Amino acid sequence: MKILMILAGCALLASCDYTVPLVDKPSLEIDHQMVGLWARTKADHQTERLLVLPLDAKEYMVAYPQNASDSAMFARACLVECAGRKLVQLTWIGNAAGNLPDDDRVYQVSAYSIKGDELTVNLLNTDVVDKDIKTSAELADAIAQNKSHPELFVEPLIFTKVKD
């Protein structure tokens, strides 16, 4: 089972979407509502946790899935303004087993919303915004050109804040 978790973590690291970031350097302050431990129940009734910690005033450290010991993945994240909305840029850096990304596809982009104790995360859909984009400007332009596309983001991941 432990080996399966490690392989799953490696597969997730290998499946990051983009080789270019939206921004090279964070400029927006973090949203403190996002900080904390979040959980969701998957279709197989397993609980998956997302840990979001402030790294500094403009970046987060993200661990996901936080409850999977060897396959937990770690990312730096920052908020980005693009196409008139606030998005999250994730830069995946490795997992708890010590595996590092095996290619340059370390960036993901998501929308998010927080209502009460509920965090909704929607990853950018690579069927709409091509994953082979070569520059940050092209990525921003592709998001802007598709901002009204009904499938710009994939199915949401909905988390609930874990209370002490």
N, C-alpha and C. Protein backbone atom coordinates (compact mmCIF):
# COMPACT_ATOMS: atom_id res chain seq x y z
N MET A 1 0.83 -1.20 0.00
CA MET A 1 0.00 0.00 0.00
C MET A 1 0.87 1.26 0.00
N LYS A 2 1.95 1.22 0.80
CA LYS A 2 2.84 2.38 0.89
C LYS A 2 3.48 2.67 -0.47
N ILE A 3 3.89 1.63 -1.18
CA ILE A 3 4.49 1.81 -2.50
C ILE A 3 3.48 2.40 -3.47
N LEU A 4 2.22 1.95 -3.36
CA LEU A 4 1.17 2.49 -4.21
C LEU A 4 0.99 3.99 -3.97
N MET A 5 1.05 4.41 -2.71
CA MET A 5 0.92 5.83 -2.38
C MET A 5 2.10 6.63 -2.97
N ILE A 6 3.31 6.07 -2.88
CA ILE A 6 4.48 6.75 -3.43
C ILE A 6 4.35 6.89 -4.95
N LEU A 7 3.90 5.82 -5.61
CA LEU A 7 3.72 5.87 -7.06
C LEU A 7 2.65 6.89 -7.45
N ALA A 8 1.58 6.96 -6.66
CA ALA A 8 0.53 7.94 -6.93
C ALA A 8 1.09 9.35 -6.82
N GLY A 9 1.90 9.58 -5.81
CA GLY A 9 2.52 10.90 -5.64
C GLY A 9 3.43 11.25 -6.80
N CYS A 10 4.20 10.26 -7.26
CA CYS A 10 5.08 10.49 -8.41
C CYS A 10 4.25 10.80 -9.66
N ALA A 11 3.16 10.09 -9.84
CA ALA A 11 2.30 10.33 -11.00
C ALA A 11 1.71 11.73 -10.95
N LEU A 12 1.30 12.16 -9.77
CA LEU A 12 0.74 13.51 -9.64
C LEU A 12 1.79 14.57 -9.92
N LEU A 13 3.01 14.35 -9.45
CA LEU A 13 4.08 15.31 -9.74
C LEU A 13 4.36 15.36 -11.24
N ALA A 14 4.28 14.21 -11.88
CA ALA A 14 4.55 14.15 -13.31
C ALA A 14 3.41 14.74 -14.14
N SER A 15 2.26 14.96 -13.52
CA SER A 15 1.11 15.43 -14.28
C SER A 15 0.84 16.92 -14.13
N CYS A 16 1.81 17.67 -13.67
CA CYS A 16 1.61 19.11 -13.59
C CYS A 16 1.46 19.66 -15.00
N ASP A 17 0.85 20.81 -15.11
CA ASP A 17 0.34 21.23 -16.40
C ASP A 17 1.27 22.07 -17.28
N TYR A 18 1.92 23.07 -16.71
CA TYR A 18 2.61 24.06 -17.54
C TYR A 18 4.11 24.15 -17.23
N THR A 19 4.87 24.57 -18.26
CA THR A 19 6.32 24.75 -18.09
C THR A 19 6.67 26.21 -17.82
N VAL A 20 5.67 27.08 -17.88
CA VAL A 20 5.89 28.50 -17.63
C VAL A 20 4.92 28.99 -16.55
N PRO A 21 5.37 29.92 -15.72
CA PRO A 21 4.48 30.49 -14.72
C PRO A 21 3.67 31.65 -15.31
N LEU A 22 2.59 31.99 -14.64
CA LEU A 22 1.89 33.23 -15.00
C LEU A 22 2.72 34.43 -14.59
N VAL A 23 3.35 34.34 -13.41
CA VAL A 23 4.23 35.40 -12.92
C VAL A 23 5.52 34.78 -12.41
N ASP A 24 6.61 35.52 -12.55
CA ASP A 24 7.90 35.05 -12.03
C ASP A 24 8.05 35.34 -10.55
N LYS A 25 7.41 36.40 -10.11
CA LYS A 25 7.58 36.85 -8.73
C LYS A 25 6.21 37.23 -8.16
N PRO A 26 5.87 36.72 -6.97
CA PRO A 26 4.58 37.07 -6.37
C PRO A 26 4.50 38.57 -6.08
N SER A 27 3.32 39.15 -6.35
CA SER A 27 3.16 40.58 -6.06
C SER A 27 1.94 40.86 -5.18
N LEU A 28 1.00 39.92 -5.12
CA LEU A 28 -0.21 40.13 -4.33
C LEU A 28 -0.05 39.53 -2.93
N GLU A 29 -0.66 40.19 -1.96
CA GLU A 29 -0.67 39.67 -0.59
C GLU A 29 -1.53 38.40 -0.54
N ILE A 30 -1.19 37.48 0.35
CA ILE A 30 -1.96 36.25 0.48
C ILE A 30 -3.36 36.55 1.03
N ASP A 31 -4.27 35.65 0.77
CA ASP A 31 -5.62 35.71 1.32
C ASP A 31 -5.60 34.85 2.58
N HIS A 32 -5.65 35.47 3.74
CA HIS A 32 -5.52 34.73 5.00
C HIS A 32 -6.67 33.76 5.24
N GLN A 33 -7.79 33.94 4.55
CA GLN A 33 -8.89 32.99 4.69
C GLN A 33 -8.52 31.61 4.15
N MET A 34 -7.55 31.57 3.24
CA MET A 34 -7.15 30.30 2.64
C MET A 34 -6.26 29.47 3.56
N VAL A 35 -5.62 30.11 4.52
CA VAL A 35 -4.68 29.44 5.41
C VAL A 35 -5.42 28.47 6.33
N GLY A 36 -4.87 27.26 6.44
CA GLY A 36 -5.44 26.29 7.36
C GLY A 36 -5.46 24.89 6.79
N LEU A 37 -6.10 24.00 7.52
CA LEU A 37 -6.25 22.60 7.11
C LEU A 37 -7.66 22.41 6.57
N TRP A 38 -7.74 21.86 5.38
CA TRP A 38 -9.00 21.65 4.68
C TRP A 38 -9.15 20.17 4.38
N ALA A 39 -10.38 19.67 4.30
CA ALA A 39 -10.61 18.26 4.01
C ALA A 39 -11.78 18.11 3.03
N ARG A 40 -11.71 17.04 2.25
CA ARG A 40 -12.83 16.69 1.37
C ARG A 40 -12.97 15.18 1.36
N THR A 41 -14.18 14.72 1.14
CA THR A 41 -14.44 13.29 1.04
C THR A 41 -14.58 12.95 -0.43
N LYS A 42 -13.74 12.02 -0.89
CA LYS A 42 -13.76 11.62 -2.29
C LYS A 42 -14.90 10.63 -2.53
N ALA A 43 -15.12 10.28 -3.79
CA ALA A 43 -16.19 9.35 -4.16
C ALA A 43 -16.04 7.99 -3.49
N ASP A 44 -14.79 7.58 -3.20
CA ASP A 44 -14.56 6.29 -2.54
C ASP A 44 -14.64 6.40 -1.02
N HIS A 45 -15.15 7.52 -0.52
CA HIS A 45 -15.35 7.79 0.91
C HIS A 45 -14.05 8.00 1.68
N GLN A 46 -12.94 8.14 0.98
CA GLN A 46 -11.67 8.44 1.63
C GLN A 46 -11.59 9.96 1.84
N THR A 47 -10.99 10.34 2.96
CA THR A 47 -10.82 11.77 3.24
C THR A 47 -9.46 12.21 2.72
N GLU A 48 -9.46 13.33 2.03
CA GLU A 48 -8.24 13.91 1.49
C GLU A 48 -8.08 15.28 2.12
N ARG A 49 -6.86 15.60 2.54
CA ARG A 49 -6.61 16.87 3.22
C ARG A 49 -5.68 17.77 2.41
N LEU A 50 -5.92 19.04 2.56
CA LEU A 50 -5.12 20.08 1.91
C LEU A 50 -4.66 21.02 3.01
N LEU A 51 -3.35 21.18 3.14
CA LEU A 51 -2.79 22.08 4.15
C LEU A 51 -2.21 23.30 3.44
N VAL A 52 -2.65 24.48 3.85
CA VAL A 52 -2.18 25.74 3.27
C VAL A 52 -1.61 26.59 4.40
N LEU A 53 -0.32 26.88 4.30
CA LEU A 53 0.36 27.68 5.33
C LEU A 53 0.96 28.93 4.69
N PRO A 54 1.03 30.03 5.45
CA PRO A 54 1.70 31.21 4.90
C PRO A 54 3.21 31.00 4.91
N LEU A 55 3.84 31.20 3.77
CA LEU A 55 5.29 31.09 3.69
C LEU A 55 5.90 32.45 3.98
N ASP A 56 5.26 33.48 3.47
CA ASP A 56 5.61 34.87 3.77
C ASP A 56 4.38 35.71 3.42
N ALA A 57 4.52 37.00 3.31
CA ALA A 57 3.36 37.87 3.08
C ALA A 57 2.72 37.67 1.70
N LYS A 58 3.47 37.06 0.76
CA LYS A 58 2.96 36.92 -0.61
C LYS A 58 2.94 35.49 -1.13
N GLU A 59 3.34 34.53 -0.31
CA GLU A 59 3.35 33.14 -0.77
C GLU A 59 2.83 32.19 0.29
N TYR A 60 2.30 31.08 -0.22
CA TYR A 60 1.84 29.98 0.63
C TYR A 60 2.76 28.78 0.42
N MET A 61 2.74 27.88 1.40
CA MET A 61 3.29 26.53 1.24
C MET A 61 2.07 25.61 1.27
N VAL A 62 1.96 24.75 0.27
CA VAL A 62 0.81 23.86 0.15
C VAL A 62 1.28 22.42 0.25
N ALA A 63 0.57 21.60 1.03
CA ALA A 63 0.81 20.16 1.10
C ALA A 63 -0.50 19.47 0.70
N TYR A 64 -0.41 18.57 -0.31
CA TYR A 64 -1.62 17.91 -0.80
C TYR A 64 -1.26 16.58 -1.42
N PRO A 65 -1.94 15.50 -1.16
CA PRO A 65 -2.86 15.33 -0.05
C PRO A 65 -2.08 15.22 1.25
N GLN A 66 -2.41 16.05 2.20
CA GLN A 66 -1.65 16.19 3.44
C GLN A 66 -1.66 14.91 4.27
N ASN A 67 -2.67 14.07 4.15
CA ASN A 67 -2.77 12.87 4.98
C ASN A 67 -2.06 11.67 4.38
N ALA A 68 -1.53 11.76 3.19
CA ALA A 68 -0.83 10.64 2.57
C ALA A 68 0.66 10.80 2.85
N SER A 69 1.17 10.06 3.80
CA SER A 69 2.51 10.30 4.34
C SER A 69 3.61 10.41 3.29
N ASP A 70 3.82 9.39 2.47
CA ASP A 70 4.93 9.43 1.53
C ASP A 70 4.59 10.11 0.20
N SER A 71 3.31 10.23 -0.10
CA SER A 71 2.97 10.81 -1.41
C SER A 71 2.48 12.25 -1.31
N ALA A 72 2.46 12.81 -0.11
CA ALA A 72 2.06 14.22 0.00
C ALA A 72 2.97 15.05 -0.89
N MET A 73 2.36 15.94 -1.66
CA MET A 73 3.12 16.79 -2.56
C MET A 73 3.20 18.19 -1.96
N PHE A 74 4.27 18.89 -2.28
CA PHE A 74 4.49 20.23 -1.72
C PHE A 74 4.65 21.23 -2.86
N ALA A 75 4.04 22.39 -2.65
CA ALA A 75 4.11 23.46 -3.66
C ALA A 75 4.23 24.81 -2.97
N ARG A 76 4.82 25.73 -3.69
CA ARG A 76 4.73 27.15 -3.34
C ARG A 76 3.54 27.66 -4.13
N ALA A 77 2.82 28.58 -3.56
CA ALA A 77 1.66 29.13 -4.26
C ALA A 77 1.58 30.63 -4.02
N CYS A 78 1.05 31.32 -5.01
CA CYS A 78 0.84 32.77 -4.87
C CYS A 78 -0.40 33.17 -5.64
N LEU A 79 -0.95 34.30 -5.26
CA LEU A 79 -2.11 34.84 -5.95
C LEU A 79 -1.65 35.67 -7.15
N VAL A 80 -2.43 35.61 -8.22
CA VAL A 80 -2.10 36.28 -9.47
C VAL A 80 -3.37 36.92 -10.03
N GLU A 81 -3.27 38.14 -10.51
CA GLU A 81 -4.39 38.77 -11.24
C GLU A 81 -4.24 38.43 -12.71
N CYS A 82 -5.30 37.86 -13.29
CA CYS A 82 -5.26 37.52 -14.71
C CYS A 82 -6.69 37.52 -15.25
N ALA A 83 -6.89 38.17 -16.35
CA ALA A 83 -8.20 38.20 -17.02
C ALA A 83 -9.31 38.68 -16.09
N GLY A 84 -8.97 39.64 -15.24
CA GLY A 84 -9.97 40.23 -14.37
C GLY A 84 -10.37 39.40 -13.17
N ARG A 85 -9.60 38.37 -12.87
CA ARG A 85 -9.91 37.57 -11.69
C ARG A 85 -8.64 37.18 -10.95
N LYS A 86 -8.81 36.87 -9.69
CA LYS A 86 -7.69 36.45 -8.86
C LYS A 86 -7.56 34.93 -8.96
N LEU A 87 -6.39 34.47 -9.38
CA LEU A 87 -6.10 33.05 -9.53
C LEU A 87 -4.96 32.67 -8.60
N VAL A 88 -4.76 31.36 -8.45
CA VAL A 88 -3.65 30.84 -7.66
C VAL A 88 -2.68 30.16 -8.62
N GLN A 89 -1.41 30.52 -8.52
CA GLN A 89 -0.36 29.84 -9.26
C GLN A 89 0.35 28.90 -8.30
N LEU A 90 0.42 27.62 -8.66
CA LEU A 90 1.11 26.62 -7.86
C LEU A 90 2.40 26.23 -8.56
N THR A 91 3.48 26.12 -7.80
CA THR A 91 4.75 25.63 -8.31
C THR A 91 5.11 24.41 -7.48
N TRP A 92 4.94 23.22 -8.06
CA TRP A 92 5.17 21.98 -7.33
C TRP A 92 6.67 21.73 -7.21
N ILE A 93 7.12 21.41 -5.98
CA ILE A 93 8.56 21.29 -5.74
C ILE A 93 9.01 19.89 -5.35
N GLY A 94 8.09 19.00 -5.01
CA GLY A 94 8.47 17.64 -4.65
C GLY A 94 7.42 17.00 -3.77
N ASN A 95 7.74 15.77 -3.32
CA ASN A 95 6.80 15.11 -2.42
C ASN A 95 7.51 14.59 -1.17
N ALA A 96 6.74 14.03 -0.26
CA ALA A 96 7.26 13.62 1.04
C ALA A 96 8.24 12.46 0.94
N ALA A 97 8.23 11.74 -0.17
CA ALA A 97 9.19 10.65 -0.37
C ALA A 97 10.52 11.17 -0.90
N GLY A 98 10.61 12.48 -1.11
CA GLY A 98 11.85 13.07 -1.60
C GLY A 98 11.95 13.11 -3.11
N ASN A 99 10.88 12.75 -3.81
CA ASN A 99 10.89 12.80 -5.27
C ASN A 99 10.69 14.23 -5.75
N LEU A 100 11.47 14.61 -6.72
CA LEU A 100 11.37 15.93 -7.32
C LEU A 100 10.66 15.80 -8.66
N PRO A 101 10.08 16.87 -9.17
CA PRO A 101 9.47 16.80 -10.50
C PRO A 101 10.50 16.31 -11.52
N ASP A 102 10.05 15.46 -12.45
CA ASP A 102 10.99 14.87 -13.40
C ASP A 102 11.02 15.61 -14.74
N ASP A 103 10.31 16.72 -14.84
CA ASP A 103 10.39 17.55 -16.04
C ASP A 103 10.10 18.99 -15.66
N ASP A 104 9.95 19.85 -16.65
CA ASP A 104 9.72 21.28 -16.38
C ASP A 104 8.26 21.63 -16.15
N ARG A 105 7.36 20.65 -16.19
CA ARG A 105 5.93 20.91 -15.97
C ARG A 105 5.65 20.96 -14.48
N VAL A 106 5.97 22.07 -13.87
CA VAL A 106 5.81 22.21 -12.42
C VAL A 106 4.73 23.22 -12.03
N TYR A 107 4.10 23.86 -13.02
CA TYR A 107 3.14 24.92 -12.72
C TYR A 107 1.71 24.47 -12.97
N GLN A 108 0.83 24.87 -12.07
CA GLN A 108 -0.61 24.71 -12.24
C GLN A 108 -1.26 26.04 -11.88
N VAL A 109 -2.41 26.27 -12.47
CA VAL A 109 -3.17 27.49 -12.20
C VAL A 109 -4.57 27.08 -11.80
N SER A 110 -5.10 27.73 -10.78
CA SER A 110 -6.46 27.42 -10.36
C SER A 110 -7.20 28.69 -9.96
N ALA A 111 -8.51 28.59 -10.05
CA ALA A 111 -9.38 29.60 -9.46
C ALA A 111 -9.75 29.06 -8.08
N TYR A 112 -10.17 29.94 -7.21
CA TYR A 112 -10.63 29.49 -5.90
C TYR A 112 -11.70 30.44 -5.39
N SER A 113 -12.51 29.92 -4.50
CA SER A 113 -13.46 30.77 -3.79
C SER A 113 -13.63 30.20 -2.39
N ILE A 114 -13.91 31.10 -1.46
CA ILE A 114 -14.14 30.71 -0.08
C ILE A 114 -15.47 31.30 0.35
N LYS A 115 -16.34 30.43 0.81
CA LYS A 115 -17.63 30.86 1.36
C LYS A 115 -17.78 30.18 2.71
N GLY A 116 -17.68 30.97 3.76
CA GLY A 116 -17.76 30.39 5.11
C GLY A 116 -16.60 29.45 5.33
N ASP A 117 -16.91 28.19 5.64
CA ASP A 117 -15.88 27.18 5.88
C ASP A 117 -15.65 26.29 4.67
N GLU A 118 -16.02 26.76 3.48
CA GLU A 118 -15.89 25.95 2.27
C GLU A 118 -14.93 26.61 1.28
N LEU A 119 -13.93 25.84 0.86
CA LEU A 119 -12.95 26.27 -0.14
C LEU A 119 -13.20 25.47 -1.41
N THR A 120 -13.43 26.17 -2.50
CA THR A 120 -13.63 25.52 -3.79
C THR A 120 -12.42 25.84 -4.67
N VAL A 121 -11.81 24.79 -5.21
CA VAL A 121 -10.62 24.91 -6.06
C VAL A 121 -10.97 24.36 -7.44
N ASN A 122 -10.70 25.15 -8.47
CA ASN A 122 -10.94 24.72 -9.85
C ASN A 122 -9.64 24.86 -10.63
N LEU A 123 -9.05 23.75 -11.03
CA LEU A 123 -7.83 23.79 -11.82
C LEU A 123 -8.12 24.19 -13.26
N LEU A 124 -7.20 24.92 -13.84
CA LEU A 124 -7.30 25.34 -15.24
C LEU A 124 -7.35 24.10 -16.12
N ASN A 125 -8.23 24.11 -17.10
CA ASN A 125 -8.45 22.98 -17.98
C ASN A 125 -7.46 23.04 -19.15
N THR A 126 -6.56 22.06 -19.24
CA THR A 126 -5.55 22.05 -20.30
C THR A 126 -6.15 21.69 -21.66
N ASP A 127 -7.41 21.26 -21.71
CA ASP A 127 -8.07 21.06 -23.00
C ASP A 127 -8.51 22.40 -23.58
N VAL A 128 -8.63 23.42 -22.72
CA VAL A 128 -9.03 24.75 -23.16
C VAL A 128 -7.81 25.66 -23.30
N VAL A 129 -6.92 25.63 -22.31
CA VAL A 129 -5.68 26.41 -22.35
C VAL A 129 -4.54 25.40 -22.52
N ASP A 130 -4.02 25.34 -23.73
CA ASP A 130 -3.03 24.34 -24.13
C ASP A 130 -1.84 24.29 -23.17
N LYS A 131 -1.46 23.08 -22.80
CA LYS A 131 -0.35 22.93 -21.86
C LYS A 131 1.02 23.14 -22.51
N ASP A 132 1.07 23.28 -23.81
CA ASP A 132 2.35 23.48 -24.50
C ASP A 132 2.66 24.95 -24.78
N ILE A 133 1.97 25.84 -24.10
CA ILE A 133 2.25 27.28 -24.20
C ILE A 133 3.70 27.53 -23.79
N LYS A 134 4.37 28.45 -24.48
CA LYS A 134 5.81 28.64 -24.28
C LYS A 134 6.22 29.81 -23.41
N THR A 135 5.33 30.81 -23.22
CA THR A 135 5.72 31.98 -22.42
C THR A 135 4.62 32.35 -21.44
N SER A 136 5.01 33.08 -20.42
CA SER A 136 4.04 33.57 -19.43
C SER A 136 3.00 34.46 -20.09
N ALA A 137 3.43 35.30 -21.02
CA ALA A 137 2.49 36.20 -21.72
C ALA A 137 1.47 35.40 -22.53
N GLU A 138 1.92 34.33 -23.20
CA GLU A 138 1.00 33.48 -23.95
C GLU A 138 -0.01 32.81 -23.03
N LEU A 139 0.45 32.38 -21.86
CA LEU A 139 -0.44 31.74 -20.89
C LEU A 139 -1.50 32.73 -20.42
N ALA A 140 -1.08 33.93 -20.06
CA ALA A 140 -2.03 34.96 -19.62
C ALA A 140 -3.01 35.31 -20.74
N ASP A 141 -2.51 35.43 -21.97
CA ASP A 141 -3.38 35.74 -23.11
C ASP A 141 -4.40 34.63 -23.36
N ALA A 142 -3.95 33.38 -23.27
CA ALA A 142 -4.86 32.24 -23.49
C ALA A 142 -5.96 32.20 -22.43
N ILE A 143 -5.61 32.50 -21.19
CA ILE A 143 -6.62 32.55 -20.13
C ILE A 143 -7.60 33.69 -20.41
N ALA A 144 -7.08 34.85 -20.79
CA ALA A 144 -7.94 36.01 -21.08
C ALA A 144 -8.86 35.73 -22.27
N GLN A 145 -8.33 35.11 -23.32
CA GLN A 145 -9.14 34.82 -24.50
C GLN A 145 -10.25 33.82 -24.22
N ASN A 146 -10.04 32.98 -23.21
CA ASN A 146 -11.02 31.93 -22.89
C ASN A 146 -11.77 32.20 -21.59
N LYS A 147 -11.71 33.44 -21.08
CA LYS A 147 -12.28 33.71 -19.76
C LYS A 147 -13.78 33.43 -19.67
N SER A 148 -14.48 33.44 -20.79
CA SER A 148 -15.92 33.15 -20.78
C SER A 148 -16.23 31.71 -21.18
N HIS A 149 -15.21 30.93 -21.46
CA HIS A 149 -15.42 29.53 -21.87
C HIS A 149 -16.00 28.76 -20.69
N PRO A 150 -17.10 28.05 -20.89
CA PRO A 150 -17.74 27.34 -19.77
C PRO A 150 -16.89 26.22 -19.17
N GLU A 151 -15.88 25.77 -19.90
CA GLU A 151 -15.03 24.69 -19.39
C GLU A 151 -13.60 25.16 -19.17
N LEU A 152 -13.42 26.44 -18.88
CA LEU A 152 -12.08 26.97 -18.62
C LEU A 152 -11.42 26.24 -17.45
N PHE A 153 -12.23 25.85 -16.49
CA PHE A 153 -11.72 25.12 -15.33
C PHE A 153 -12.38 23.75 -15.27
N VAL A 154 -11.66 22.78 -14.71
CA VAL A 154 -12.20 21.42 -14.57
C VAL A 154 -13.13 21.37 -13.36
N GLU A 155 -13.72 20.21 -13.13
CA GLU A 155 -14.64 20.01 -12.01
C GLU A 155 -14.01 20.50 -10.71
N PRO A 156 -14.79 21.15 -9.88
CA PRO A 156 -14.23 21.71 -8.64
C PRO A 156 -13.89 20.65 -7.60
N LEU A 157 -12.87 20.96 -6.82
CA LEU A 157 -12.56 20.20 -5.61
C LEU A 157 -13.09 21.06 -4.47
N ILE A 158 -13.98 20.50 -3.67
CA ILE A 158 -14.61 21.28 -2.60
C ILE A 158 -14.13 20.75 -1.25
N PHE A 159 -13.50 21.64 -0.49
CA PHE A 159 -12.93 21.30 0.81
C PHE A 159 -13.69 22.05 1.90
N THR A 160 -13.72 21.46 3.08
CA THR A 160 -14.30 22.09 4.26
C THR A 160 -13.19 22.32 5.27
N LYS A 161 -13.20 23.48 5.91
CA LYS A 161 -12.18 23.81 6.91
C LYS A 161 -12.26 22.84 8.07
N VAL A 162 -11.11 22.29 8.46
CA VAL A 162 -11.05 21.37 9.60
C VAL A 162 -10.99 22.20 10.87
N LYS A 163 -11.89 21.93 11.77
CA LYS A 163 -11.95 22.65 13.05
C LYS A 163 -11.08 21.91 14.07
N ASP A 164 -10.56 22.67 15.03
CA ASP A 164 -9.73 22.05 16.08
C ASP A 164 -10.52 21.08 16.91
